[in-house]
N, C-alpha and C. Protein backbone atom coordinates (compact mmCIF):
# COMPACT_ATOMS: atom_id res chain seq x y z
N MET A 1 16.67 -14.05 -11.38
CA MET A 1 16.73 -14.58 -9.89
C MET A 1 15.36 -14.42 -9.16
N PRO A 2 15.03 -15.67 -8.71
CA PRO A 2 13.63 -15.54 -8.01
C PRO A 2 13.87 -15.08 -6.53
N LEU A 3 12.77 -14.40 -6.06
CA LEU A 3 12.99 -13.99 -4.51
C LEU A 3 12.91 -15.21 -3.73
N ASP A 4 14.09 -15.24 -2.86
CA ASP A 4 14.34 -16.35 -1.76
C ASP A 4 13.79 -15.99 -0.54
N GLU A 5 13.81 -16.81 0.38
CA GLU A 5 13.53 -16.62 1.80
C GLU A 5 14.33 -15.34 2.36
N PRO A 6 13.79 -14.72 3.08
CA PRO A 6 14.76 -13.65 3.89
C PRO A 6 15.65 -14.22 4.67
N PRO A 7 16.85 -13.49 4.88
CA PRO A 7 18.00 -14.06 5.84
C PRO A 7 17.51 -14.24 7.18
N GLU A 8 17.99 -15.28 7.78
CA GLU A 8 17.51 -15.66 9.10
C GLU A 8 18.29 -14.91 10.05
N ARG A 9 19.60 -14.62 9.79
CA ARG A 9 20.44 -14.05 10.98
C ARG A 9 20.00 -12.58 11.16
N SER A 10 19.72 -12.26 12.43
CA SER A 10 19.24 -11.06 12.94
C SER A 10 20.23 -9.80 12.57
N GLY A 11 19.80 -8.85 12.13
CA GLY A 11 20.60 -7.80 11.60
C GLY A 11 20.93 -7.76 10.09
N SER A 12 20.51 -8.84 9.37
CA SER A 12 21.04 -9.03 8.11
C SER A 12 20.55 -7.85 7.17
N LEU A 13 19.35 -7.30 7.50
CA LEU A 13 18.66 -6.34 6.69
C LEU A 13 18.72 -4.91 7.16
N SER A 14 19.65 -4.70 8.24
CA SER A 14 19.73 -3.40 8.82
C SER A 14 20.52 -2.58 7.99
N GLY A 15 21.31 -2.99 6.99
CA GLY A 15 21.96 -2.26 6.08
C GLY A 15 21.38 -1.71 4.78
N LEU A 16 19.98 -2.05 4.81
CA LEU A 16 19.35 -1.64 3.61
C LEU A 16 19.32 -0.21 3.31
N PRO A 17 19.29 0.43 2.11
CA PRO A 17 19.35 1.79 1.72
C PRO A 17 18.26 2.40 2.49
N ARG A 18 18.34 3.65 2.86
CA ARG A 18 17.31 4.48 3.58
C ARG A 18 16.56 5.39 2.69
N HIS A 19 15.32 5.53 2.81
CA HIS A 19 14.54 6.81 2.04
C HIS A 19 13.79 7.54 3.15
N ALA A 20 14.10 8.67 3.16
CA ALA A 20 13.55 9.62 4.10
C ALA A 20 12.07 9.82 3.85
N LEU A 21 11.25 9.71 4.82
CA LEU A 21 9.72 10.00 4.77
C LEU A 21 9.54 11.30 5.31
N ARG A 22 10.24 11.79 6.25
CA ARG A 22 9.97 12.89 7.06
C ARG A 22 9.55 14.27 6.28
N GLY A 23 8.47 14.99 6.74
CA GLY A 23 7.97 16.00 5.97
C GLY A 23 7.28 15.95 4.72
N GLY A 24 7.25 14.61 4.11
CA GLY A 24 6.76 14.29 2.61
C GLY A 24 5.26 14.12 2.91
N LEU A 25 4.67 14.02 1.68
CA LEU A 25 3.21 13.67 1.53
C LEU A 25 3.06 12.24 1.13
N LEU A 26 2.21 11.72 1.76
CA LEU A 26 1.68 10.22 1.45
C LEU A 26 0.17 10.30 1.29
N PHE A 27 -0.19 9.30 0.54
CA PHE A 27 -1.77 9.15 0.09
C PHE A 27 -2.16 7.86 0.50
N ARG A 28 -3.40 7.80 0.99
CA ARG A 28 -4.15 6.44 1.34
C ARG A 28 -5.70 6.60 1.03
N VAL A 29 -6.01 5.46 0.38
CA VAL A 29 -7.35 5.42 0.07
C VAL A 29 -7.92 4.38 1.06
N TRP A 30 -9.08 4.90 1.65
CA TRP A 30 -9.87 3.96 2.52
C TRP A 30 -11.28 3.81 2.30
N ARG A 31 -11.67 2.77 2.80
CA ARG A 31 -13.25 2.59 2.76
C ARG A 31 -13.96 3.40 3.74
N HIS A 32 -14.58 4.54 3.39
CA HIS A 32 -15.22 5.52 4.35
C HIS A 32 -16.70 5.02 4.61
N GLU A 33 -17.38 4.35 3.82
CA GLU A 33 -18.67 3.76 4.15
C GLU A 33 -18.64 2.30 4.18
N LEU A 34 -19.04 1.79 5.38
CA LEU A 34 -18.95 0.35 5.72
C LEU A 34 -20.14 -0.32 5.29
N PRO A 35 -20.38 -1.62 5.01
CA PRO A 35 -21.57 -2.29 4.88
C PRO A 35 -22.45 -2.02 6.15
N GLY A 36 -23.85 -1.96 5.78
CA GLY A 36 -24.79 -1.65 6.84
C GLY A 36 -24.95 -0.02 7.10
N GLY A 37 -24.19 0.73 6.31
CA GLY A 37 -24.45 2.20 6.41
C GLY A 37 -23.51 3.12 7.55
N ALA A 38 -22.69 2.29 8.17
CA ALA A 38 -21.79 2.75 9.23
C ALA A 38 -20.64 3.60 8.43
N GLU A 39 -20.04 4.51 9.03
CA GLU A 39 -18.96 5.27 8.32
C GLU A 39 -17.53 5.16 9.17
N ARG A 40 -16.47 5.08 8.44
CA ARG A 40 -15.17 5.05 9.10
C ARG A 40 -14.63 6.50 8.71
N PRO A 41 -14.68 7.57 9.73
CA PRO A 41 -14.33 8.76 9.48
C PRO A 41 -12.76 9.02 9.24
N GLU A 42 -12.01 8.07 9.63
CA GLU A 42 -10.57 8.34 9.53
C GLU A 42 -9.87 7.21 8.67
N PRO A 43 -8.78 7.49 8.20
CA PRO A 43 -8.13 6.62 7.31
C PRO A 43 -7.25 5.42 7.86
N TRP A 44 -7.05 5.54 9.10
CA TRP A 44 -6.10 4.64 9.87
C TRP A 44 -6.51 3.26 9.99
N TRP A 45 -5.70 2.36 9.65
CA TRP A 45 -5.85 0.84 9.86
C TRP A 45 -4.52 0.05 9.67
N PHE A 46 -4.09 -0.44 10.83
CA PHE A 46 -2.88 -1.30 10.69
C PHE A 46 -3.31 -2.79 10.81
N ALA A 47 -3.25 -3.49 9.64
CA ALA A 47 -3.63 -4.83 9.50
C ALA A 47 -2.57 -5.75 9.89
N SER A 48 -2.93 -6.77 10.64
CA SER A 48 -2.18 -8.01 10.98
C SER A 48 -2.48 -9.10 10.03
N ALA A 49 -1.44 -10.01 9.85
CA ALA A 49 -1.46 -11.12 8.97
C ALA A 49 -2.63 -11.94 9.25
N ALA A 50 -3.44 -12.32 8.26
CA ALA A 50 -4.74 -13.21 8.22
C ALA A 50 -4.17 -14.59 8.17
N ALA A 51 -4.92 -15.50 8.72
CA ALA A 51 -4.57 -17.01 8.49
C ALA A 51 -4.62 -17.43 7.01
N ASP A 52 -5.53 -16.65 6.28
CA ASP A 52 -5.58 -17.07 4.80
C ASP A 52 -4.57 -16.32 4.14
N ALA A 53 -3.50 -16.94 3.64
CA ALA A 53 -2.57 -16.04 2.93
C ALA A 53 -3.01 -15.26 1.66
N GLU A 54 -4.19 -15.79 1.06
CA GLU A 54 -4.58 -15.23 -0.11
C GLU A 54 -5.22 -13.87 0.19
N ILE A 55 -5.70 -13.52 1.32
CA ILE A 55 -6.43 -12.30 1.60
C ILE A 55 -5.64 -11.39 2.51
N ALA A 56 -4.57 -11.81 2.90
CA ALA A 56 -3.69 -11.03 3.75
C ALA A 56 -2.88 -9.94 2.90
N GLY A 57 -2.70 -8.77 3.43
CA GLY A 57 -1.89 -7.86 2.92
C GLY A 57 -0.48 -8.20 2.53
N ARG A 58 0.15 -7.58 1.56
CA ARG A 58 1.51 -8.00 1.10
C ARG A 58 2.58 -7.88 2.29
N PHE A 59 2.41 -6.87 3.14
CA PHE A 59 3.54 -6.78 4.05
C PHE A 59 2.97 -6.62 5.60
N ASP A 60 1.77 -7.39 5.60
CA ASP A 60 1.11 -7.40 7.07
C ASP A 60 2.02 -7.99 8.02
N LEU A 61 2.12 -7.67 9.18
CA LEU A 61 2.97 -8.32 10.19
C LEU A 61 2.10 -9.31 11.13
N ASN A 62 2.77 -10.12 11.89
CA ASN A 62 1.96 -10.94 12.78
C ASN A 62 1.58 -10.19 14.02
N PRO A 63 0.42 -10.47 14.60
CA PRO A 63 -0.09 -9.81 15.85
C PRO A 63 0.91 -9.92 16.96
N PRO A 64 1.17 -8.82 17.70
CA PRO A 64 0.21 -7.80 17.89
C PRO A 64 0.62 -6.55 16.97
N LEU A 65 1.45 -6.78 15.96
CA LEU A 65 1.95 -5.56 15.13
C LEU A 65 0.97 -5.67 13.84
N GLY A 66 0.98 -4.51 13.03
CA GLY A 66 0.16 -4.46 11.88
C GLY A 66 0.90 -3.47 10.85
N THR A 67 0.42 -3.31 9.71
CA THR A 67 0.73 -2.58 8.61
C THR A 67 -0.35 -1.59 8.04
N CYS A 68 0.10 -0.35 7.76
CA CYS A 68 -0.83 0.63 7.07
C CYS A 68 -0.05 1.07 5.73
N TYR A 69 -0.85 1.03 4.65
CA TYR A 69 -0.28 1.18 3.41
C TYR A 69 -0.70 2.58 2.74
N PHE A 70 0.31 3.11 2.19
CA PHE A 70 0.10 4.60 1.54
C PHE A 70 0.90 4.39 -0.04
N GLY A 71 0.49 5.40 -0.65
CA GLY A 71 1.10 5.61 -1.99
C GLY A 71 1.82 7.03 -1.75
N THR A 72 2.82 7.29 -2.64
CA THR A 72 3.66 8.58 -2.63
C THR A 72 3.05 9.44 -3.56
N ARG A 73 2.08 8.97 -4.45
CA ARG A 73 1.02 9.86 -5.22
C ARG A 73 -0.33 9.32 -5.18
N PRO A 74 -1.34 10.09 -5.55
CA PRO A 74 -2.75 9.64 -5.42
C PRO A 74 -3.05 8.44 -6.31
N GLU A 75 -2.43 8.39 -7.42
CA GLU A 75 -2.68 7.34 -8.27
C GLU A 75 -2.09 5.88 -7.68
N ALA A 76 -0.99 5.87 -7.04
CA ALA A 76 -0.40 4.84 -6.40
C ALA A 76 -1.27 4.23 -5.45
N ALA A 77 -1.95 5.17 -4.41
CA ALA A 77 -2.79 4.60 -3.56
C ALA A 77 -4.17 4.16 -4.16
N LEU A 78 -4.57 4.78 -5.28
CA LEU A 78 -5.83 4.34 -6.03
C LEU A 78 -5.68 2.91 -6.51
N LEU A 79 -4.41 2.69 -7.23
CA LEU A 79 -4.21 1.41 -7.91
C LEU A 79 -4.18 0.19 -6.93
N GLU A 80 -3.52 0.45 -5.79
CA GLU A 80 -3.40 -0.56 -4.85
C GLU A 80 -4.73 -0.85 -4.12
N ALA A 81 -5.50 0.15 -3.75
CA ALA A 81 -6.69 -0.03 -3.04
C ALA A 81 -7.90 -0.51 -3.98
N LEU A 82 -7.67 -0.25 -5.23
CA LEU A 82 -8.82 -0.80 -6.09
C LEU A 82 -8.31 -1.93 -6.98
N GLN A 83 -7.38 -2.59 -6.64
CA GLN A 83 -6.71 -3.55 -7.38
C GLN A 83 -7.53 -4.67 -7.96
N SER A 84 -8.57 -5.06 -7.14
CA SER A 84 -9.60 -6.21 -7.51
C SER A 84 -10.53 -5.62 -8.68
N HIS A 85 -10.62 -4.44 -8.92
CA HIS A 85 -11.50 -3.73 -9.87
C HIS A 85 -10.99 -2.83 -10.92
N LEU A 86 -9.74 -3.08 -11.31
CA LEU A 86 -8.98 -2.24 -12.16
C LEU A 86 -9.65 -2.52 -13.54
N THR A 87 -9.97 -3.72 -14.09
CA THR A 87 -10.40 -3.96 -15.34
C THR A 87 -11.95 -3.82 -15.42
N ASN A 88 -12.72 -3.57 -14.31
CA ASN A 88 -13.97 -3.24 -14.31
C ASN A 88 -14.56 -2.44 -13.04
N LEU A 89 -14.19 -1.29 -13.06
CA LEU A 89 -14.48 -0.36 -11.92
C LEU A 89 -15.92 0.31 -11.96
N PRO A 90 -16.74 -0.06 -11.12
CA PRO A 90 -17.94 0.64 -10.99
C PRO A 90 -17.88 1.90 -10.14
N GLU A 91 -18.56 2.94 -10.45
CA GLU A 91 -18.39 4.18 -9.74
C GLU A 91 -18.74 4.01 -8.37
N ALA A 92 -19.70 2.93 -8.03
CA ALA A 92 -20.10 2.77 -6.58
C ALA A 92 -18.78 2.42 -5.77
N GLU A 93 -17.80 1.92 -6.30
CA GLU A 93 -16.66 1.48 -5.51
C GLU A 93 -15.82 2.82 -5.22
N LEU A 94 -15.94 3.72 -5.98
CA LEU A 94 -15.46 5.04 -5.58
C LEU A 94 -16.19 5.91 -4.68
N ARG A 95 -17.50 5.82 -4.73
CA ARG A 95 -18.27 6.62 -3.74
C ARG A 95 -18.20 6.12 -2.45
N ILE A 96 -17.95 4.86 -2.16
CA ILE A 96 -17.67 4.44 -0.64
C ILE A 96 -16.33 4.69 -0.10
N ARG A 97 -15.44 5.14 -0.84
CA ARG A 97 -14.02 5.44 -0.50
C ARG A 97 -13.65 6.90 -0.57
N ARG A 98 -12.53 7.14 0.21
CA ARG A 98 -12.05 8.57 0.22
C ARG A 98 -10.52 8.39 0.00
N LEU A 99 -10.07 9.58 -0.42
CA LEU A 99 -8.49 9.72 -0.46
C LEU A 99 -7.89 10.71 0.67
N ALA A 100 -7.18 10.07 1.45
CA ALA A 100 -6.44 10.97 2.44
C ALA A 100 -4.98 11.41 1.94
N ARG A 101 -4.84 12.77 2.27
CA ARG A 101 -3.63 13.50 1.86
C ARG A 101 -2.89 13.57 3.30
N VAL A 102 -1.89 12.83 3.47
CA VAL A 102 -1.34 12.83 4.74
C VAL A 102 0.06 13.49 4.76
N GLN A 103 0.32 14.33 5.85
CA GLN A 103 1.65 14.97 5.95
C GLN A 103 2.44 14.11 7.08
N ALA A 104 3.61 13.60 6.70
CA ALA A 104 4.31 12.83 7.53
C ALA A 104 5.05 13.64 8.51
N PRO A 105 5.28 13.39 9.78
CA PRO A 105 5.86 14.23 10.80
C PRO A 105 7.37 14.38 10.43
N ASP A 106 8.04 15.34 10.84
CA ASP A 106 9.44 15.61 10.61
C ASP A 106 10.29 14.37 11.28
N GLU A 107 9.86 13.82 12.30
CA GLU A 107 10.64 12.70 13.11
C GLU A 107 10.37 11.43 12.64
N VAL A 108 9.43 11.26 11.70
CA VAL A 108 9.11 9.81 11.23
C VAL A 108 10.36 9.11 10.81
N PRO A 109 10.59 7.75 11.25
CA PRO A 109 11.61 6.94 10.78
C PRO A 109 11.81 6.76 9.59
N ASP A 110 12.98 6.68 8.91
CA ASP A 110 13.33 6.35 7.38
C ASP A 110 12.60 5.03 7.18
N ALA A 111 12.38 4.92 5.83
CA ALA A 111 11.91 3.60 5.36
C ALA A 111 13.03 2.82 4.67
N ALA A 112 13.03 1.55 4.81
CA ALA A 112 14.00 0.62 4.01
C ALA A 112 13.57 0.83 2.46
N MET A 113 14.57 1.21 1.67
CA MET A 113 14.37 1.53 0.16
C MET A 113 14.57 0.28 -0.60
N LEU A 114 13.44 -0.42 -1.01
CA LEU A 114 13.66 -1.73 -1.52
C LEU A 114 13.73 -1.58 -3.00
N THR A 115 13.57 -0.30 -3.52
CA THR A 115 13.76 -0.09 -4.98
C THR A 115 15.19 0.17 -5.25
N ALA A 116 16.13 0.51 -4.58
CA ALA A 116 17.37 0.85 -4.79
C ALA A 116 18.20 -0.22 -5.54
N ALA A 117 18.99 0.18 -6.68
CA ALA A 117 19.52 -0.68 -7.50
C ALA A 117 20.46 -1.81 -6.83
N ARG A 118 20.99 -1.48 -5.84
CA ARG A 118 22.02 -2.32 -5.22
C ARG A 118 21.46 -3.45 -4.36
N VAL A 119 20.11 -3.40 -4.00
CA VAL A 119 19.57 -4.36 -3.06
C VAL A 119 19.31 -5.77 -3.76
N ALA A 120 19.52 -5.84 -5.13
CA ALA A 120 19.41 -7.18 -5.82
C ALA A 120 20.56 -8.00 -5.45
N GLY A 121 21.78 -7.44 -5.65
CA GLY A 121 23.02 -8.17 -5.47
C GLY A 121 23.35 -8.37 -4.03
N GLU A 122 23.22 -7.29 -3.15
CA GLU A 122 23.47 -7.48 -1.81
C GLU A 122 22.67 -8.05 -0.97
N PHE A 123 21.27 -8.00 -1.17
CA PHE A 123 20.38 -8.59 -0.35
C PHE A 123 19.47 -9.70 -1.04
N GLY A 124 19.58 -9.89 -2.24
CA GLY A 124 18.52 -10.73 -3.09
C GLY A 124 17.32 -10.31 -3.21
N ILE A 125 16.96 -8.97 -3.14
CA ILE A 125 15.80 -8.51 -3.31
C ILE A 125 15.47 -8.23 -4.85
N THR A 126 14.30 -8.83 -5.32
CA THR A 126 13.66 -8.54 -6.65
C THR A 126 12.34 -7.80 -6.57
N ALA A 127 11.90 -7.55 -7.73
CA ALA A 127 10.47 -6.91 -7.74
C ALA A 127 9.51 -7.91 -7.49
N GLU A 128 9.71 -9.05 -7.24
CA GLU A 128 8.63 -10.07 -6.76
C GLU A 128 8.31 -9.71 -5.22
N LEU A 129 9.16 -8.99 -4.47
CA LEU A 129 8.86 -8.51 -3.13
C LEU A 129 7.61 -7.77 -3.07
N TRP A 130 7.43 -6.92 -4.19
CA TRP A 130 6.10 -5.94 -4.11
C TRP A 130 5.19 -6.40 -5.31
N ALA A 131 5.55 -7.30 -6.11
CA ALA A 131 4.55 -7.54 -7.26
C ALA A 131 4.46 -9.04 -7.47
N GLY A 132 5.10 -9.83 -6.65
CA GLY A 132 4.83 -11.36 -6.79
C GLY A 132 3.55 -11.79 -6.03
N ARG A 133 3.08 -12.97 -6.26
CA ARG A 133 1.90 -13.50 -5.61
C ARG A 133 1.95 -14.23 -4.44
N ASP A 134 3.23 -14.43 -3.94
CA ASP A 134 3.37 -15.30 -2.76
C ASP A 134 3.34 -14.35 -1.63
N ARG A 135 2.37 -14.06 -1.02
CA ARG A 135 2.13 -13.24 0.01
C ARG A 135 2.68 -13.81 1.33
N ALA A 136 2.70 -15.04 1.59
CA ALA A 136 3.30 -15.56 2.69
C ALA A 136 4.81 -15.15 2.74
N LEU A 137 5.36 -15.35 1.56
CA LEU A 137 6.88 -15.00 1.51
C LEU A 137 7.02 -13.45 1.67
N THR A 138 6.31 -12.71 1.09
CA THR A 138 6.64 -11.15 1.15
C THR A 138 6.41 -10.82 2.68
N ARG A 139 5.36 -11.53 3.36
CA ARG A 139 5.13 -10.98 4.81
C ARG A 139 6.28 -11.44 5.49
N ARG A 140 6.97 -12.69 5.25
CA ARG A 140 8.18 -13.05 6.06
C ARG A 140 9.29 -11.97 5.85
N TRP A 141 9.33 -11.51 4.69
CA TRP A 141 10.36 -10.45 4.52
C TRP A 141 10.02 -9.18 5.31
N ALA A 142 8.82 -8.84 5.30
CA ALA A 142 8.31 -7.64 6.15
C ALA A 142 8.72 -7.87 7.63
N GLY A 143 8.42 -9.21 8.08
CA GLY A 143 8.83 -9.53 9.43
C GLY A 143 10.18 -9.33 9.79
N ALA A 144 11.01 -9.74 8.69
CA ALA A 144 12.51 -9.70 8.97
C ALA A 144 13.08 -8.29 8.94
N ALA A 145 12.42 -7.43 8.18
CA ALA A 145 12.67 -6.05 8.22
C ALA A 145 12.35 -5.39 9.56
N ARG A 146 11.24 -5.80 10.10
CA ARG A 146 10.85 -5.23 11.37
C ARG A 146 11.90 -5.76 12.49
N ARG A 147 12.27 -6.97 12.46
CA ARG A 147 13.13 -7.60 13.31
C ARG A 147 14.44 -6.92 13.36
N ASP A 148 14.88 -6.32 12.15
CA ASP A 148 15.98 -5.66 12.05
C ASP A 148 16.07 -4.13 12.06
N GLY A 149 14.96 -3.65 12.78
CA GLY A 149 14.92 -2.32 13.26
C GLY A 149 14.06 -1.37 12.26
N TRP A 150 13.61 -1.89 11.10
CA TRP A 150 12.69 -0.89 10.29
C TRP A 150 11.41 -0.86 10.70
N TRP A 151 10.96 0.43 10.63
CA TRP A 151 9.36 0.79 10.97
C TRP A 151 8.65 1.04 9.63
N ALA A 152 9.32 0.96 8.42
CA ALA A 152 8.55 1.33 7.23
C ALA A 152 9.42 0.80 5.98
N LEU A 153 8.52 0.52 5.06
CA LEU A 153 9.18 -0.07 3.71
C LEU A 153 8.70 0.84 2.65
N TYR A 154 9.69 1.17 1.70
CA TYR A 154 9.39 1.94 0.42
C TYR A 154 9.72 1.09 -0.69
N SER A 155 8.48 0.92 -1.36
CA SER A 155 8.71 -0.11 -2.57
C SER A 155 7.83 0.24 -3.90
N GLY A 156 7.96 -0.63 -4.91
CA GLY A 156 7.22 -0.24 -5.94
C GLY A 156 5.80 -0.67 -5.76
N VAL A 157 4.93 -0.39 -6.74
CA VAL A 157 3.50 -0.68 -6.75
C VAL A 157 3.15 -1.89 -7.68
N ALA A 158 2.66 -2.80 -7.21
CA ALA A 158 2.37 -4.17 -8.05
C ALA A 158 1.54 -3.80 -9.30
N HIS A 159 0.55 -2.91 -9.23
CA HIS A 159 -0.39 -2.66 -10.42
C HIS A 159 0.05 -1.50 -11.11
N ASP A 160 1.38 -1.17 -11.04
CA ASP A 160 1.89 -0.19 -12.12
C ASP A 160 3.08 -0.88 -12.98
N PRO A 161 2.67 -1.41 -14.04
CA PRO A 161 3.67 -2.09 -15.04
C PRO A 161 4.74 -1.14 -15.44
N SER A 162 4.55 0.02 -15.26
CA SER A 162 5.67 1.05 -15.73
C SER A 162 6.82 1.11 -14.75
N GLY A 163 6.49 0.70 -13.47
CA GLY A 163 7.49 0.68 -12.57
C GLY A 163 7.87 2.02 -11.92
N ARG A 164 7.22 3.07 -12.10
CA ARG A 164 7.32 4.47 -11.72
C ARG A 164 6.90 4.79 -10.37
N LEU A 165 5.72 4.27 -10.07
CA LEU A 165 5.00 4.68 -8.83
C LEU A 165 5.58 3.96 -7.64
N ARG A 166 5.44 4.65 -6.38
CA ARG A 166 5.99 3.96 -5.19
C ARG A 166 4.82 3.97 -4.08
N SER A 167 5.21 3.03 -3.25
CA SER A 167 4.28 2.79 -2.09
C SER A 167 5.12 2.80 -0.87
N VAL A 168 4.37 3.10 0.36
CA VAL A 168 4.99 2.98 1.72
C VAL A 168 4.15 2.24 2.51
N ALA A 169 4.72 1.10 3.25
CA ALA A 169 4.10 0.37 4.25
C ALA A 169 4.69 0.62 5.47
N LEU A 170 3.70 1.19 6.51
CA LEU A 170 4.19 1.73 7.86
C LEU A 170 3.88 0.70 8.81
N PHE A 171 4.71 0.35 9.74
CA PHE A 171 4.53 -0.67 10.83
C PHE A 171 4.19 0.00 12.09
N ASP A 172 3.37 -0.53 12.88
CA ASP A 172 2.94 -0.07 14.18
C ASP A 172 2.20 -1.14 14.74
N HIS A 173 1.52 -0.89 15.90
CA HIS A 173 0.63 -1.71 16.65
C HIS A 173 -0.59 -1.92 15.73
N ALA A 174 -1.13 -3.11 15.75
CA ALA A 174 -2.27 -3.56 14.98
C ALA A 174 -3.50 -2.82 15.41
N GLY A 175 -4.39 -2.47 14.56
CA GLY A 175 -5.64 -1.98 14.79
C GLY A 175 -5.95 -0.62 14.11
N GLU A 176 -7.07 0.04 14.72
CA GLU A 176 -7.49 1.32 13.98
C GLU A 176 -7.00 2.53 14.93
N HIS A 177 -6.00 3.18 14.52
CA HIS A 177 -5.39 4.21 15.32
C HIS A 177 -4.62 5.03 14.48
N GLU A 178 -4.25 6.23 14.88
CA GLU A 178 -3.34 7.19 14.24
C GLU A 178 -1.87 6.60 14.32
N PRO A 179 -0.95 6.60 13.41
CA PRO A 179 0.46 6.24 13.77
C PRO A 179 0.97 6.71 14.87
N SER A 180 1.70 5.89 15.66
CA SER A 180 2.30 6.39 16.97
C SER A 180 3.71 6.94 16.78
N HIS A 181 4.17 6.87 15.56
CA HIS A 181 5.57 7.51 15.40
C HIS A 181 5.47 9.04 15.27
N SER A 182 6.26 9.57 16.21
CA SER A 182 6.60 11.11 16.02
C SER A 182 5.52 12.03 16.25
N GLY A 183 4.50 11.95 16.89
CA GLY A 183 3.39 12.88 17.29
C GLY A 183 2.38 12.65 16.28
N SER A 184 1.67 13.76 16.01
CA SER A 184 0.48 13.88 15.14
C SER A 184 0.82 13.85 13.69
N TRP A 185 -0.17 13.15 13.05
CA TRP A 185 -0.15 13.05 11.61
C TRP A 185 -1.16 13.85 11.12
N HIS A 186 -0.85 14.98 10.30
CA HIS A 186 -1.91 15.78 9.93
C HIS A 186 -2.36 15.25 8.53
N TRP A 187 -3.76 15.18 8.29
CA TRP A 187 -4.35 14.70 7.08
C TRP A 187 -5.60 15.46 6.67
N SER A 188 -5.95 15.42 5.51
CA SER A 188 -7.20 15.77 4.98
C SER A 188 -7.81 14.79 4.04
N GLY A 189 -9.11 14.72 4.11
CA GLY A 189 -9.80 13.66 3.09
C GLY A 189 -10.68 14.37 1.98
N GLN A 190 -10.69 13.71 0.97
CA GLN A 190 -11.71 14.15 -0.06
C GLN A 190 -12.17 12.96 -0.91
N ARG A 191 -13.34 13.24 -1.52
CA ARG A 191 -14.13 12.23 -2.15
C ARG A 191 -13.41 11.95 -3.47
N ILE A 192 -13.56 10.87 -4.05
CA ILE A 192 -12.96 10.24 -5.28
C ILE A 192 -13.86 10.26 -6.42
N HIS A 193 -15.17 9.85 -6.38
CA HIS A 193 -16.00 9.67 -7.37
C HIS A 193 -16.28 10.90 -8.23
N ASP A 194 -16.27 12.10 -7.72
CA ASP A 194 -16.53 13.33 -8.47
C ASP A 194 -15.25 14.28 -8.67
N ASP A 195 -14.16 13.73 -8.54
CA ASP A 195 -12.84 14.35 -8.72
C ASP A 195 -12.34 14.07 -10.13
N PRO A 196 -12.42 15.00 -11.18
CA PRO A 196 -11.82 14.71 -12.53
C PRO A 196 -10.47 14.45 -12.49
N LYS A 197 -9.59 14.93 -11.59
CA LYS A 197 -8.18 14.83 -11.62
C LYS A 197 -7.97 13.33 -11.32
N LEU A 198 -8.67 12.77 -10.23
CA LEU A 198 -8.34 11.57 -9.83
C LEU A 198 -8.79 10.40 -10.78
N LYS A 199 -9.97 10.80 -11.41
CA LYS A 199 -10.50 9.95 -12.64
C LYS A 199 -9.53 9.92 -13.72
N ALA A 200 -8.86 11.07 -14.07
CA ALA A 200 -7.93 11.22 -15.12
C ALA A 200 -6.61 10.52 -14.73
N ALA A 201 -6.28 10.28 -13.59
CA ALA A 201 -5.17 9.53 -13.12
C ALA A 201 -5.34 8.10 -13.20
N LEU A 202 -6.55 7.68 -13.03
CA LEU A 202 -7.00 6.19 -13.20
C LEU A 202 -7.00 6.01 -14.65
N LYS A 203 -7.44 6.89 -15.57
CA LYS A 203 -7.50 6.84 -16.92
C LYS A 203 -6.19 6.58 -17.58
N ARG A 204 -5.09 7.20 -17.07
CA ARG A 204 -3.78 7.19 -17.45
C ARG A 204 -3.23 5.64 -17.43
N HIS A 205 -3.77 5.05 -16.50
CA HIS A 205 -3.42 3.70 -16.13
C HIS A 205 -4.32 2.60 -16.74
N GLY A 206 -5.16 3.23 -17.76
CA GLY A 206 -6.03 2.13 -18.34
C GLY A 206 -7.34 1.80 -17.63
N VAL A 207 -7.69 2.62 -16.48
CA VAL A 207 -8.70 2.07 -15.63
C VAL A 207 -9.99 3.08 -16.04
N THR A 208 -11.03 2.47 -16.48
CA THR A 208 -12.18 3.33 -16.86
C THR A 208 -13.23 3.10 -16.00
N VAL A 209 -13.87 4.21 -15.43
CA VAL A 209 -15.00 4.08 -14.46
C VAL A 209 -16.21 3.75 -15.07
N ARG A 210 -16.94 2.65 -14.68
CA ARG A 210 -18.19 2.29 -15.11
C ARG A 210 -19.33 2.97 -14.44
N GLU A 211 -19.88 3.84 -15.05
CA GLU A 211 -20.89 4.81 -14.41
C GLU A 211 -22.05 3.97 -14.00
N SER A 212 -22.90 4.52 -13.10
CA SER A 212 -24.14 3.92 -12.55
C SER A 212 -25.08 3.56 -13.87
N GLY A 213 -25.63 2.50 -13.90
CA GLY A 213 -26.52 2.01 -15.07
C GLY A 213 -25.86 1.45 -16.23
N GLN A 214 -24.57 1.56 -16.20
CA GLN A 214 -23.87 0.93 -17.46
C GLN A 214 -23.50 -0.59 -17.04
N LEU A 215 -23.81 -1.44 -18.17
CA LEU A 215 -23.66 -2.77 -17.98
C LEU A 215 -22.11 -3.13 -17.80
N ARG A 216 -21.91 -4.22 -17.02
CA ARG A 216 -20.52 -4.84 -16.95
C ARG A 216 -20.00 -5.14 -18.29
N TRP A 217 -18.67 -4.89 -18.44
CA TRP A 217 -18.20 -5.38 -19.84
C TRP A 217 -18.01 -6.86 -19.84
N ALA A 218 -18.18 -7.52 -20.90
CA ALA A 218 -18.06 -8.94 -21.22
C ALA A 218 -17.27 -9.25 -22.47
N ALA A 219 -16.45 -10.15 -22.35
CA ALA A 219 -15.52 -10.77 -23.58
C ALA A 219 -16.40 -11.31 -24.60
N LEU A 220 -16.18 -10.84 -25.98
CA LEU A 220 -16.95 -11.62 -26.95
C LEU A 220 -16.45 -12.91 -27.38
N PRO A 221 -17.10 -13.94 -27.77
CA PRO A 221 -16.43 -15.19 -28.10
C PRO A 221 -15.48 -15.16 -29.23
N GLY A 222 -14.23 -15.53 -29.23
CA GLY A 222 -13.35 -15.41 -30.24
C GLY A 222 -12.39 -14.25 -30.22
């Protein structure tokens, strides 16, 4: 069953299963070092839908709202943030990024659980919603979820073929700011490039880091 358009009737998605985020740990990879040498010290960014559907985030909302993306495990955040480099990952891409370990407040709203078994038959939701290539369609689903009262989505991870990892998309006002839901979001950041546990997590998903000086891999003829 292909993923169809989201239902047009207001309230159609309000009955989606709930997943509690309160008090849980979330992980986010962000670009700490920007082009030109500037630094972004905090991980927060709520992205609005871009005019170009190919570069916009999967669940980006239309302005003035935006979406911030997390993983429920470090490797989920790594795979999504590094998705364009998974088959050829230079260490330099890790050096300019950091991993944030985020504690969700106790009062944070529940997320719509898109991975529950019953959502296929009841709502027409398939894995295309988090793994398909039609970003314009998945953004319309995100907009319908926000219309029907949801402030977060709990879904699979597109670059995890095993289907075990999970991600969270949090809705808020667009821009660079801490989430406005339920008070302070406590977090700590760490480097990625020199953490053996994080590199091992990437290795388990077939991602090998190309060290400085190593040549880019090339396919041999035939």
